[in-house]
């Protein structure tokens, strides 16, 4: 990301940037633990080096002036405006402002220019990066005392109230709490979290963006959530987090085959997350990769949220000797996340690009992943690459 663009645009639109401060918040990947958040389970995300960068300067009045360099568009609103801008993109910043004020932070007017390099449509949570960048900036600039979890919840509340996306907490959590060289196991029920070492010497994380997104008739996510809730109710537990394999097998004759498959995936994913935790403590990346393949098999066959293009990408990865590969995110398109040995990286990238274009007539996109730090103030960091 080139911070010179942000500085140049700030100078052009709002005068000297000398009194401004630069902030950054990252996007994310999730190594394992999909569709577990609403089942009270665990997720295993990491912050990435791509994110949103913003130059922010207090204005001394009640006005907020924004310029989005990537869109080449701007927006102005008043802190006391209860309606806010109509354009969804700017409502993310407006929502953060309103939520920070509701949390007792004495937010003043400000000018801001921002830009990002999180690939759109890749499931890397550019919106959470935007929310967390501004939440961190306003907390720092206007003397707020909110901790990082509270700032993450500001971002989540922004999605719920001002954008209409009923997301979980994972994306904002990891954008705030990311740590270089570590992934984080987050308990979605309690909010407790633990860092695990990520030092894959001889391996790389690579996303392959299928560049497709299937719009399915009906509400596939809601259907799967209802299946999980139904099984949990019959098992006498609050969420599937507390359902045992024995209880699930005992219910097999009382539930539909569909409900059984959904619950089977969720219980298996809990076990796989724990297996990955143990493996990372031993730097055992072969086991991590095996669990990733098993997760994809569950998401494809039991939870049925994959698609032809994604299954093809995973099969190419397996054929090329990739250590682990699976669909990342909600499903029905988007990216695969791949754990690739250095020695087979170039051959894998070449083959997946060639074969995917030949099969589907679409060029997939390769996105290298480096695990980085969470939201922060930038002090002379070189982010021009």
Protein backbone atom coordinates (compact mmCIF):
# COMPACT_ATOMS: atom_id res chain seq x y z
CA UNK A 1 0.00 0.00 0.00
CA UNK A 2 1.36 3.42 -0.90
CA UNK A 3 0.80 5.88 1.93
CA UNK A 4 2.09 8.65 -0.36
CA UNK A 5 -1.26 8.50 -2.19
CA UNK A 6 -3.13 9.10 1.06
CA UNK A 7 -0.85 12.00 1.98
CA UNK A 8 -1.12 13.50 -1.51
CA UNK A 9 -4.92 13.30 -1.51
CA UNK A 10 -5.09 14.79 1.98
CA UNK A 11 -2.97 17.74 0.89
CA UNK A 12 -5.14 18.18 -2.21
CA UNK A 13 -8.51 18.06 -0.49
CA UNK A 14 -7.95 19.32 3.05
CA UNK A 15 -4.71 21.28 3.06
CA UNK A 16 -1.50 20.34 4.83
CA UNK A 17 -1.29 16.80 6.21
CA UNK A 18 1.44 17.85 8.64
CA UNK A 19 -1.02 18.01 11.54
CA UNK A 20 -2.64 14.69 10.67
CA UNK A 21 -1.91 11.23 12.02
CA UNK A 22 -1.79 7.98 10.04
CA UNK A 23 -3.61 4.88 11.27
CA UNK A 24 -3.92 1.35 9.91
CA UNK A 25 -6.12 -1.71 10.48
CA UNK A 26 -5.76 -5.06 8.68
CA UNK A 27 -8.01 -7.50 6.90
CA UNK A 28 -7.88 -11.15 7.90
CA UNK A 29 -7.78 -14.81 7.00
CA UNK A 30 -9.33 -17.67 8.96
CA UNK A 31 -7.19 -20.80 9.00
CA UNK A 32 -9.90 -23.13 10.26
CA UNK A 33 -13.24 -22.94 12.07
CA UNK A 34 -16.00 -22.06 9.58
CA UNK A 35 -19.71 -21.76 10.45
CA UNK A 36 -18.77 -22.30 14.09
CA UNK A 37 -19.39 -18.79 15.41
CA UNK A 38 -23.18 -19.07 15.66
CA UNK A 39 -22.78 -22.54 17.13
CA UNK A 40 -20.83 -21.23 20.13
CA UNK A 41 -17.57 -22.67 18.84
CA UNK A 42 -14.07 -21.52 17.98
CA UNK A 43 -12.54 -19.68 15.04
CA UNK A 44 -8.84 -19.42 14.23
CA UNK A 45 -8.10 -16.17 12.39
CA UNK A 46 -5.00 -14.11 11.73
CA UNK A 47 -4.52 -10.51 10.67
CA UNK A 48 -2.85 -9.92 7.29
CA UNK A 49 -0.57 -7.19 6.00
CA UNK A 50 -3.23 -5.84 3.64
CA UNK A 51 -5.66 -3.38 5.18
CA UNK A 52 -7.04 0.16 5.37
CA UNK A 53 -4.83 3.20 6.00
CA UNK A 54 -6.25 6.58 7.03
CA UNK A 55 -4.80 10.04 7.59
CA UNK A 56 -6.94 11.78 10.22
CA UNK A 57 -6.79 15.37 11.51
CA UNK A 58 -9.10 17.05 14.05
CA UNK A 59 -11.00 19.99 12.54
CA UNK A 60 -12.08 21.82 15.68
CA UNK A 61 -15.73 21.88 14.61
CA UNK A 62 -18.66 19.44 14.34
CA UNK A 63 -18.10 18.50 10.72
CA UNK A 64 -16.62 15.26 9.35
CA UNK A 65 -15.10 15.45 5.87
CA UNK A 66 -14.04 12.20 4.20
CA UNK A 67 -12.22 11.35 0.99
CA UNK A 68 -11.96 7.73 -0.17
CA UNK A 69 -8.92 7.61 -2.45
CA UNK A 70 -9.84 4.21 -3.92
CA UNK A 71 -13.29 5.45 -4.95
CA UNK A 72 -12.20 8.99 -5.77
CA UNK A 73 -15.30 10.19 -3.94
CA UNK A 74 -15.91 12.18 -0.80
CA UNK A 75 -18.60 12.78 1.80
CA UNK A 76 -19.40 15.34 4.50
CA UNK A 77 -21.69 14.94 7.51
CA UNK A 78 -22.25 16.60 10.88
CA UNK A 79 -21.61 14.81 14.15
CA UNK A 80 -25.17 15.64 15.23
CA UNK A 81 -26.76 14.28 12.04
CA UNK A 82 -28.93 11.35 13.12
CA UNK A 83 -29.56 10.10 9.57
CA UNK A 84 -26.08 10.09 8.06
CA UNK A 85 -24.96 9.61 4.47
CA UNK A 86 -26.96 7.42 2.08
CA UNK A 87 -24.02 5.71 0.40
CA UNK A 88 -23.24 2.43 2.15
CA UNK A 89 -19.47 2.86 1.94
CA UNK A 90 -19.52 6.09 3.96
CA UNK A 91 -22.04 4.71 6.42
CA UNK A 92 -19.29 2.47 7.80
CA UNK A 93 -17.37 5.54 9.00
CA UNK A 94 -20.55 7.36 10.07
CA UNK A 95 -21.63 4.32 12.09
CA UNK A 96 -18.27 4.11 13.85
CA UNK A 97 -18.49 7.80 14.74
CA UNK A 98 -21.99 7.40 16.20
CA UNK A 99 -21.10 4.25 18.12
CA UNK A 100 -17.95 5.81 19.57
CA UNK A 101 -20.02 8.74 20.76
CA UNK A 102 -22.58 6.34 22.27
CA UNK A 103 -19.71 4.68 24.18
CA UNK A 104 -18.84 8.02 25.78
CA UNK A 105 -15.90 9.06 23.62
CA UNK A 106 -15.90 12.84 23.10
CA UNK A 107 -15.52 12.66 19.33
CA UNK A 108 -14.91 15.98 17.59
CA UNK A 109 -15.05 16.86 13.93
CA UNK A 110 -12.24 15.66 11.71
CA UNK A 111 -10.95 15.43 8.16
CA UNK A 112 -9.80 12.05 6.86
CA UNK A 113 -8.45 10.47 3.70
CA UNK A 114 -8.21 6.70 3.45
CA UNK A 115 -7.31 3.91 1.05
CA UNK A 116 -6.91 0.16 1.19
CA UNK A 117 -5.37 -2.86 -0.50
CA UNK A 118 -7.62 -5.64 0.80
CA UNK A 119 -8.77 -7.50 -2.33
CA UNK A 120 -12.52 -7.03 -2.74
CA UNK A 121 -14.63 -10.15 -2.92
CA UNK A 122 -11.91 -12.32 -1.41
CA UNK A 123 -13.53 -12.72 2.00
CA UNK A 124 -10.72 -10.86 3.76
CA UNK A 125 -13.03 -8.37 5.48
CA UNK A 126 -12.22 -4.97 4.06
CA UNK A 127 -15.28 -3.53 5.84
CA UNK A 128 -14.01 -4.66 9.26
CA UNK A 129 -10.61 -3.15 8.46
CA UNK A 130 -12.30 0.18 7.63
CA UNK A 131 -14.37 0.14 10.83
CA UNK A 132 -11.44 -0.80 13.03
CA UNK A 133 -9.11 1.75 11.46
CA UNK A 134 -11.48 4.58 12.32
CA UNK A 135 -12.50 3.19 15.71
CA UNK A 136 -8.84 2.94 16.74
CA UNK A 137 -8.08 6.40 15.33
CA UNK A 138 -10.97 8.16 17.05
CA UNK A 139 -10.28 6.42 20.36
CA UNK A 140 -6.64 7.52 20.18
CA UNK A 141 -7.24 11.03 18.83
CA UNK A 142 -10.08 12.07 21.12
CA UNK A 143 -8.89 10.57 24.40
CA UNK A 144 -11.11 7.50 24.45
CA UNK A 145 -10.45 4.72 26.92
CA UNK A 146 -12.08 1.83 25.10
CA UNK A 147 -10.06 -1.37 24.98
CA UNK A 148 -9.54 -3.36 21.80
CA UNK A 149 -12.48 -5.71 22.39
CA UNK A 150 -14.79 -2.73 22.96
CA UNK A 151 -13.51 -1.17 19.74
CA UNK A 152 -14.17 -4.44 17.90
CA UNK A 153 -17.75 -4.36 19.18
CA UNK A 154 -18.08 -0.79 17.88
CA UNK A 155 -17.28 -2.17 14.42
CA UNK A 156 -19.73 -5.04 14.82
CA UNK A 157 -22.48 -2.68 15.99
CA UNK A 158 -21.80 -0.49 12.94
CA UNK A 159 -22.46 -3.46 10.66
CA UNK A 160 -25.66 -4.33 12.50
CA UNK A 161 -27.18 -0.88 12.90
CA UNK A 162 -25.94 1.21 9.98
CA UNK A 163 -25.24 -1.27 7.18
CA UNK A 164 -27.67 -4.10 7.93
CA UNK A 165 -25.16 -6.97 8.04
CA UNK A 166 -25.73 -9.22 11.07
CA UNK A 167 -22.11 -10.37 11.30
CA UNK A 168 -20.33 -12.13 14.13
CA UNK A 169 -17.39 -10.62 15.99
CA UNK A 170 -14.49 -12.50 14.36
CA UNK A 171 -13.57 -10.01 11.62
CA UNK A 172 -13.44 -6.95 13.87
CA UNK A 173 -11.85 -8.93 16.69
CA UNK A 174 -8.85 -10.04 14.67
CA UNK A 175 -8.43 -6.67 12.97
CA UNK A 176 -7.96 -5.24 16.46
CA UNK A 177 -6.08 -8.11 18.13
CA UNK A 178 -3.85 -9.45 15.35
CA UNK A 179 -0.23 -10.17 16.19
CA UNK A 180 2.65 -10.78 13.82
CA UNK A 181 3.76 -14.41 13.92
CA UNK A 182 0.59 -15.61 15.64
CA UNK A 183 -2.89 -16.86 14.90
CA UNK A 184 -5.63 -16.49 17.48
CA UNK A 185 -8.12 -19.04 18.76
CA UNK A 186 -11.25 -17.09 19.65
CA UNK A 187 -14.02 -18.63 21.73
CA UNK A 188 -17.11 -17.14 20.09
CA UNK A 189 -19.23 -17.87 23.15
CA UNK A 190 -17.14 -16.39 25.94
CA UNK A 191 -14.98 -13.93 23.99
CA UNK A 192 -11.84 -15.48 25.50
CA UNK A 193 -8.89 -15.85 23.16
CA UNK A 194 -5.41 -17.34 23.03
CA UNK A 195 -2.47 -16.72 20.68
CA UNK A 196 -0.81 -19.64 18.94
CA UNK A 197 2.57 -19.50 17.18
CA UNK A 198 2.59 -19.24 13.40
CA UNK A 199 6.12 -19.86 12.14
CA UNK A 200 5.63 -22.01 9.04
CA UNK A 201 9.25 -22.26 7.98
CA UNK A 202 9.27 -23.82 4.53
CA UNK A 203 5.58 -23.14 3.94
CA UNK A 204 3.47 -20.26 2.65
CA UNK A 205 -0.18 -19.31 2.99
CA UNK A 206 -1.75 -18.50 -0.36
CA UNK A 207 -5.32 -17.52 -1.18
CA UNK A 208 -6.75 -18.44 -4.57
CA UNK A 209 -9.73 -16.24 -5.43
CA UNK A 210 -12.17 -18.10 -7.67
CA UNK A 211 -13.65 -14.73 -8.72
CA UNK A 212 -17.13 -16.23 -8.58
CA UNK A 213 -19.96 -15.84 -6.12
CA UNK A 214 -23.13 -17.89 -6.53
CA UNK A 215 -26.38 -16.25 -5.48
CA UNK A 216 -28.60 -19.06 -4.28
CA UNK A 217 -32.37 -18.99 -4.07
CA UNK A 218 -33.69 -18.86 -0.51
CA UNK A 219 -31.63 -18.37 2.64
CA UNK A 220 -28.90 -21.05 2.70
CA UNK A 221 -27.15 -19.61 5.76
CA UNK A 222 -30.39 -19.28 7.72
CA UNK A 223 -31.37 -22.82 6.72
CA UNK A 224 -28.12 -24.21 8.07
CA UNK A 225 -28.39 -22.20 11.24
CA UNK A 226 -31.92 -23.52 11.81
CA UNK A 227 -30.69 -27.08 11.33
CA UNK A 228 -28.01 -26.57 13.96
CA UNK A 229 -30.41 -24.93 16.40
CA UNK A 230 -32.94 -27.72 15.92
CA UNK A 231 -30.41 -30.44 16.71
CA UNK A 232 -29.12 -28.49 19.72
CA UNK A 233 -32.65 -28.13 21.06
CA UNK A 234 -33.35 -31.85 20.76
CA UNK A 235 -29.99 -32.60 22.40
CA UNK A 236 -30.90 -30.36 25.32
CA UNK A 237 -27.96 -27.99 24.89
CA UNK A 238 -27.76 -24.27 24.19
CA UNK A 239 -25.60 -24.66 21.08
CA UNK A 240 -23.91 -27.51 19.22
CA UNK A 241 -20.72 -26.55 21.05
CA UNK A 242 -22.03 -28.66 23.95
CA UNK A 243 -23.43 -31.55 21.93
CA UNK A 244 -21.43 -34.79 22.10
CA UNK A 245 -21.00 -37.35 19.34
CA UNK A 246 -22.97 -39.81 21.47
CA UNK A 247 -25.93 -37.43 21.74
CA UNK A 248 -25.87 -36.75 18.02
CA UNK A 249 -25.85 -40.47 17.17
CA UNK A 250 -28.71 -41.00 19.61
CA UNK A 251 -30.77 -38.42 17.70
CA UNK A 252 -30.05 -39.85 14.27
CA UNK A 253 -33.47 -41.49 13.93
CA UNK A 254 -35.31 -38.36 15.14
CA UNK A 255 -33.83 -35.80 12.76
CA UNK A 256 -33.62 -35.43 9.00
CA UNK A 257 -30.52 -36.60 7.16
CA UNK A 258 -29.86 -32.95 6.32
CA UNK A 259 -29.93 -31.86 9.96
CA UNK A 260 -27.67 -34.77 10.86
CA UNK A 261 -25.09 -33.81 8.22
CA UNK A 262 -25.05 -30.17 9.35
CA UNK A 263 -24.51 -31.13 12.98
CA UNK A 264 -21.92 -33.75 12.02
CA UNK A 265 -19.87 -31.07 10.28
CA UNK A 266 -20.04 -28.68 13.26
CA UNK A 267 -18.95 -31.31 15.79
CA UNK A 268 -16.16 -32.40 13.49
CA UNK A 269 -14.99 -28.83 13.01
CA UNK A 270 -14.70 -28.38 16.78
CA UNK A 271 -12.40 -31.43 16.88
CA UNK A 272 -10.39 -30.15 13.91
CA UNK A 273 -9.79 -26.75 15.49
CA UNK A 274 -8.46 -28.43 18.61
CA UNK A 275 -6.22 -30.70 16.52
CA UNK A 276 -4.77 -27.66 14.75
CA UNK A 277 -4.07 -25.99 18.10
CA UNK A 278 -2.11 -29.03 19.24
CA UNK A 279 -0.25 -29.24 15.93
CA UNK A 280 0.81 -25.59 15.97
CA UNK A 281 2.30 -26.02 19.43
CA UNK A 282 4.58 -28.65 17.85
CA UNK A 283 5.19 -26.78 14.56
CA UNK A 284 3.47 -29.73 12.88
CA UNK A 285 2.20 -28.10 9.69
CA UNK A 286 1.52 -31.41 7.94
CA UNK A 287 -1.24 -32.13 10.46
CA UNK A 288 -2.55 -28.57 10.03
CA UNK A 289 -2.81 -29.22 6.29
CA UNK A 290 -4.59 -32.56 6.78
CA UNK A 291 -7.19 -30.89 8.98
CA UNK A 292 -7.74 -28.18 6.37
CA UNK A 293 -8.55 -30.81 3.74
CA UNK A 294 -10.93 -32.53 6.17
CA UNK A 295 -12.66 -29.21 6.84
CA UNK A 296 -13.19 -28.69 3.14
CA UNK A 297 -14.61 -32.17 2.76
CA UNK A 298 -17.07 -31.42 5.56
CA UNK A 299 -18.02 -28.03 4.16
CA UNK A 300 -18.52 -29.51 0.69
CA UNK A 301 -20.30 -32.79 1.49
CA UNK A 302 -21.97 -32.31 4.91
CA UNK A 303 -22.57 -28.57 5.17
CA UNK A 304 -22.93 -28.17 1.40
CA UNK A 305 -21.61 -24.62 1.11
CA UNK A 306 -18.99 -25.20 -1.55
CA UNK A 307 -19.46 -25.08 -5.33
CA UNK A 308 -17.98 -26.64 -8.45
CA UNK A 309 -15.30 -23.96 -8.89
CA UNK A 310 -14.06 -24.14 -5.31
CA UNK A 311 -14.04 -27.94 -5.24
CA UNK A 312 -11.99 -27.85 -8.44
CA UNK A 313 -9.42 -25.49 -6.87
CA UNK A 314 -9.04 -27.80 -3.87
CA UNK A 315 -8.59 -30.83 -6.12
CA UNK A 316 -5.89 -29.02 -8.11
CA UNK A 317 -4.15 -28.19 -4.83
CA UNK A 318 -4.26 -31.83 -3.76
CA UNK A 319 -2.96 -32.96 -7.14
CA UNK A 320 -0.06 -30.48 -6.91
CA UNK A 321 0.99 -31.73 -3.48
CA UNK A 322 -0.27 -28.71 -1.55
CA UNK A 323 -0.14 -29.49 2.18
CA UNK A 324 -3.63 -28.16 2.98
CA UNK A 325 -6.48 -26.48 1.13
CA UNK A 326 -10.09 -25.55 1.86
CA UNK A 327 -12.79 -23.05 1.10
CA UNK A 328 -12.52 -19.93 3.30
CA UNK A 329 -15.55 -17.94 4.38
CA UNK A 330 -19.31 -18.38 4.16
CA UNK A 331 -19.23 -20.39 0.97
CA UNK A 332 -20.68 -20.66 -2.54
CA UNK A 333 -17.64 -19.00 -4.10
CA UNK A 334 -14.85 -16.72 -2.94
CA UNK A 335 -11.40 -18.08 -2.02
CA UNK A 336 -9.56 -21.19 -1.07
CA UNK A 337 -6.87 -20.88 1.58
CA UNK A 338 -3.82 -23.03 0.88
CA UNK A 339 -0.83 -24.11 2.97
CA UNK A 340 1.89 -24.61 0.37
CA UNK A 341 5.46 -25.88 0.67
CA UNK A 342 8.01 -23.47 -0.77
CA UNK A 343 9.31 -26.03 -3.24
CA UNK A 344 5.91 -26.61 -4.86
CA UNK A 345 4.62 -23.03 -4.71
CA UNK A 346 5.56 -21.89 -8.21
CA UNK A 347 4.36 -25.08 -9.90
CA UNK A 348 1.06 -24.93 -7.98
CA UNK A 349 0.42 -21.30 -8.88
CA UNK A 350 1.14 -21.93 -12.55
CA UNK A 351 -1.02 -25.06 -12.69
CA UNK A 352 -4.00 -23.65 -10.80
CA UNK A 353 -4.06 -20.55 -13.01
CA UNK A 354 -3.76 -22.60 -16.20
CA UNK A 355 -6.27 -25.31 -15.36
CA UNK A 356 -8.87 -22.99 -13.81
CA UNK A 357 -8.89 -20.73 -16.87
CA UNK A 358 -9.13 -23.78 -19.13
CA UNK A 359 -12.03 -25.28 -17.15
CA UNK A 360 -14.14 -22.22 -16.36
CA UNK A 361 -12.96 -19.49 -18.72
CA UNK A 362 -12.23 -17.25 -15.72
CA UNK A 363 -8.85 -16.15 -14.37
CA UNK A 364 -8.40 -16.90 -10.68
CA UNK A 365 -6.34 -14.48 -8.60
CA UNK A 366 -3.40 -15.44 -6.40
CA UNK A 367 -3.14 -13.55 -3.09
CA UNK A 368 -0.01 -14.13 -0.95
CA UNK A 369 -0.67 -14.01 2.79
CA UNK A 370 1.66 -12.73 5.49
CA UNK A 371 0.37 -12.67 9.07
CA UNK A 372 0.70 -9.17 10.51
CA UNK A 373 -0.21 -6.80 13.33
CA UNK A 374 -3.63 -5.50 14.34
CA UNK A 375 -4.92 -1.91 14.32
CA UNK A 376 -2.31 0.70 15.18
CA UNK A 377 -0.97 4.20 14.78
CA UNK A 378 1.73 4.37 12.13
CA UNK A 379 4.97 6.04 13.13
CA UNK A 380 7.31 6.16 10.18
CA UNK A 381 6.53 2.59 9.05
CA UNK A 382 7.33 1.85 5.42
CA UNK A 383 4.08 0.58 3.89
CA UNK A 384 4.79 1.70 0.35
CA UNK A 385 5.05 -1.83 -1.08
